[in-house]
Amino acid sequence: MNDALTKNCTSEAQLEKIRRGQELRFRWRDDWPVMEKAILIAGRAAIARNNETPNPNSSEQE
C-alpha cells in the first residue's frame, strides 16, 4: 500500500500531503504510528530514487 502511494513522490512537501491524507483516514487505528513510519520511509526512498534519475520521462516523449 505505501509503495503505491509514494512511488512517484518527488519532494518532502508532496510526502507530507500523502502522510496527512493517510493520517486523516487511519489515525484512529492502533497501528497508525507504524503505518506513518512506513509511509515516510517509502516516501523518502522514492524522493531519493526520483532525484537521482535525470528526467526519466524525456526519453519516452521523444
N, C-alpha and C. Protein backbone atom coordinates (compact mmCIF):
# COMPACT_ATOMS: atom_id res chain seq x y z
N MET A 1 0.82 -1.19 0.00
CA MET A 1 0.00 0.00 0.00
C MET A 1 0.87 1.25 0.00
N ASN A 2 1.84 1.33 0.88
CA ASN A 2 2.65 2.52 1.00
C ASN A 2 3.45 2.81 -0.26
N ASP A 3 3.97 1.75 -0.89
CA ASP A 3 4.78 1.98 -2.09
C ASP A 3 3.93 2.56 -3.21
N ALA A 4 2.71 2.10 -3.34
CA ALA A 4 1.83 2.62 -4.38
C ALA A 4 1.52 4.10 -4.15
N LEU A 5 1.40 4.48 -2.90
CA LEU A 5 1.13 5.89 -2.59
C LEU A 5 2.32 6.79 -2.86
N THR A 6 3.51 6.28 -2.62
CA THR A 6 4.69 7.13 -2.62
C THR A 6 5.64 6.93 -3.79
N LYS A 7 5.37 5.99 -4.68
CA LYS A 7 6.37 5.66 -5.71
C LYS A 7 6.74 6.83 -6.62
N ASN A 8 5.84 7.79 -6.82
CA ASN A 8 6.14 8.94 -7.67
C ASN A 8 6.43 10.20 -6.87
N CYS A 9 6.67 10.05 -5.60
CA CYS A 9 6.92 11.18 -4.71
C CYS A 9 8.27 11.83 -5.06
N THR A 10 8.26 13.16 -5.19
CA THR A 10 9.48 13.85 -5.59
C THR A 10 9.93 14.94 -4.62
N SER A 11 9.14 15.21 -3.57
CA SER A 11 9.53 16.26 -2.63
C SER A 11 8.97 15.97 -1.24
N GLU A 12 9.59 16.61 -0.26
CA GLU A 12 9.11 16.47 1.13
C GLU A 12 7.70 17.04 1.27
N ALA A 13 7.39 18.11 0.55
CA ALA A 13 6.06 18.71 0.63
C ALA A 13 5.00 17.73 0.11
N GLN A 14 5.31 17.06 -0.98
CA GLN A 14 4.39 16.07 -1.53
C GLN A 14 4.23 14.90 -0.56
N LEU A 15 5.33 14.47 0.03
CA LEU A 15 5.28 13.39 1.01
C LEU A 15 4.43 13.78 2.21
N GLU A 16 4.54 15.02 2.65
CA GLU A 16 3.74 15.49 3.79
C GLU A 16 2.25 15.48 3.45
N LYS A 17 1.89 15.83 2.21
CA LYS A 17 0.48 15.77 1.81
C LYS A 17 -0.03 14.33 1.83
N ILE A 18 0.79 13.41 1.38
CA ILE A 18 0.42 11.99 1.41
C ILE A 18 0.25 11.53 2.85
N ARG A 19 1.22 11.88 3.70
CA ARG A 19 1.17 11.47 5.10
C ARG A 19 -0.08 12.03 5.77
N ARG A 20 -0.35 13.29 5.54
CA ARG A 20 -1.51 13.94 6.16
C ARG A 20 -2.82 13.31 5.69
N GLY A 21 -2.92 13.02 4.42
CA GLY A 21 -4.13 12.37 3.90
C GLY A 21 -4.35 11.00 4.52
N GLN A 22 -3.28 10.25 4.67
CA GLN A 22 -3.39 8.94 5.28
C GLN A 22 -3.69 9.05 6.78
N GLU A 23 -3.14 10.08 7.41
CA GLU A 23 -3.41 10.28 8.83
C GLU A 23 -4.89 10.55 9.05
N LEU A 24 -5.49 11.34 8.19
CA LEU A 24 -6.92 11.64 8.33
C LEU A 24 -7.77 10.37 8.21
N ARG A 25 -7.31 9.44 7.42
CA ARG A 25 -8.05 8.18 7.23
C ARG A 25 -7.78 7.16 8.31
N PHE A 26 -6.55 7.09 8.82
CA PHE A 26 -6.14 5.96 9.65
C PHE A 26 -5.66 6.30 11.06
N ARG A 27 -5.70 7.56 11.49
CA ARG A 27 -5.13 7.90 12.79
C ARG A 27 -5.83 7.22 13.97
N TRP A 28 -7.05 6.77 13.78
CA TRP A 28 -7.79 6.09 14.83
C TRP A 28 -7.27 4.68 15.08
N ARG A 29 -6.53 4.12 14.15
CA ARG A 29 -6.04 2.75 14.29
C ARG A 29 -4.86 2.70 15.25
N ASP A 30 -4.79 1.61 15.99
CA ASP A 30 -3.69 1.42 16.94
C ASP A 30 -2.34 1.36 16.24
N ASP A 31 -2.32 0.86 15.00
CA ASP A 31 -1.05 0.71 14.29
C ASP A 31 -0.70 1.91 13.41
N TRP A 32 -1.39 3.05 13.60
CA TRP A 32 -1.09 4.23 12.79
C TRP A 32 0.37 4.66 12.90
N PRO A 33 0.98 4.71 14.09
CA PRO A 33 2.39 5.13 14.14
C PRO A 33 3.31 4.26 13.29
N VAL A 34 3.04 2.98 13.21
CA VAL A 34 3.84 2.06 12.38
C VAL A 34 3.57 2.36 10.90
N MET A 35 2.31 2.57 10.56
CA MET A 35 1.95 2.89 9.17
C MET A 35 2.59 4.21 8.74
N GLU A 36 2.54 5.20 9.64
CA GLU A 36 3.11 6.51 9.33
C GLU A 36 4.61 6.40 9.08
N LYS A 37 5.29 5.65 9.91
CA LYS A 37 6.73 5.47 9.75
C LYS A 37 7.05 4.80 8.41
N ALA A 38 6.26 3.79 8.05
CA ALA A 38 6.48 3.09 6.78
C ALA A 38 6.24 4.02 5.59
N ILE A 39 5.23 4.87 5.68
CA ILE A 39 4.94 5.83 4.61
C ILE A 39 6.12 6.79 4.44
N LEU A 40 6.63 7.30 5.56
CA LEU A 40 7.75 8.25 5.50
C LEU A 40 9.01 7.60 4.95
N ILE A 41 9.29 6.37 5.35
CA ILE A 41 10.48 5.67 4.84
C ILE A 41 10.35 5.43 3.34
N ALA A 42 9.19 4.91 2.91
CA ALA A 42 8.98 4.64 1.49
C ALA A 42 9.01 5.93 0.68
N GLY A 43 8.42 6.99 1.22
CA GLY A 43 8.40 8.27 0.51
C GLY A 43 9.78 8.87 0.35
N ARG A 44 10.57 8.81 1.41
CA ARG A 44 11.94 9.37 1.31
C ARG A 44 12.80 8.55 0.37
N ALA A 45 12.58 7.24 0.33
CA ALA A 45 13.30 6.40 -0.63
C ALA A 45 12.90 6.76 -2.06
N ALA A 46 11.62 7.00 -2.27
CA ALA A 46 11.14 7.39 -3.60
C ALA A 46 11.69 8.74 -4.01
N ILE A 47 11.74 9.68 -3.07
CA ILE A 47 12.30 11.01 -3.37
C ILE A 47 13.76 10.85 -3.80
N ALA A 48 14.53 10.08 -3.06
CA ALA A 48 15.94 9.87 -3.41
C ALA A 48 16.07 9.21 -4.78
N ARG A 49 15.24 8.20 -5.03
CA ARG A 49 15.27 7.49 -6.31
C ARG A 49 14.90 8.42 -7.46
N ASN A 50 13.87 9.22 -7.27
CA ASN A 50 13.42 10.12 -8.33
C ASN A 50 14.38 11.29 -8.54
N ASN A 51 15.11 11.68 -7.51
CA ASN A 51 16.07 12.77 -7.66
C ASN A 51 17.36 12.32 -8.34
N GLU A 52 17.69 11.06 -8.26
CA GLU A 52 18.93 10.61 -8.91
C GLU A 52 18.72 10.30 -10.38
N THR A 53 17.48 10.17 -10.83
CA THR A 53 17.18 9.93 -12.23
C THR A 53 16.94 11.27 -12.91
N PRO A 54 17.76 11.67 -13.87
CA PRO A 54 17.63 12.98 -14.51
C PRO A 54 16.52 13.01 -15.56
N ASN A 55 15.29 13.26 -15.15
CA ASN A 55 14.13 13.38 -16.03
C ASN A 55 13.86 12.10 -16.81
N PRO A 56 13.30 11.09 -16.16
CA PRO A 56 13.05 9.81 -16.81
C PRO A 56 12.00 9.87 -17.92
N ASN A 57 11.16 10.90 -17.95
CA ASN A 57 10.12 11.00 -18.97
C ASN A 57 10.61 11.58 -20.29
N SER A 58 11.78 12.17 -20.32
CA SER A 58 12.27 12.81 -21.54
C SER A 58 12.49 11.79 -22.67
N SER A 59 12.95 10.61 -22.37
CA SER A 59 13.18 9.61 -23.42
C SER A 59 11.87 9.02 -23.93
N GLU A 60 10.82 9.00 -23.10
CA GLU A 60 9.55 8.48 -23.53
C GLU A 60 8.83 9.42 -24.47
N GLN A 61 9.06 10.71 -24.34
CA GLN A 61 8.36 11.71 -25.15
C GLN A 61 8.98 11.88 -26.53
N GLU A 62 10.21 11.49 -26.69
CA GLU A 62 10.89 11.70 -27.98
C GLU A 62 10.60 10.60 -28.95
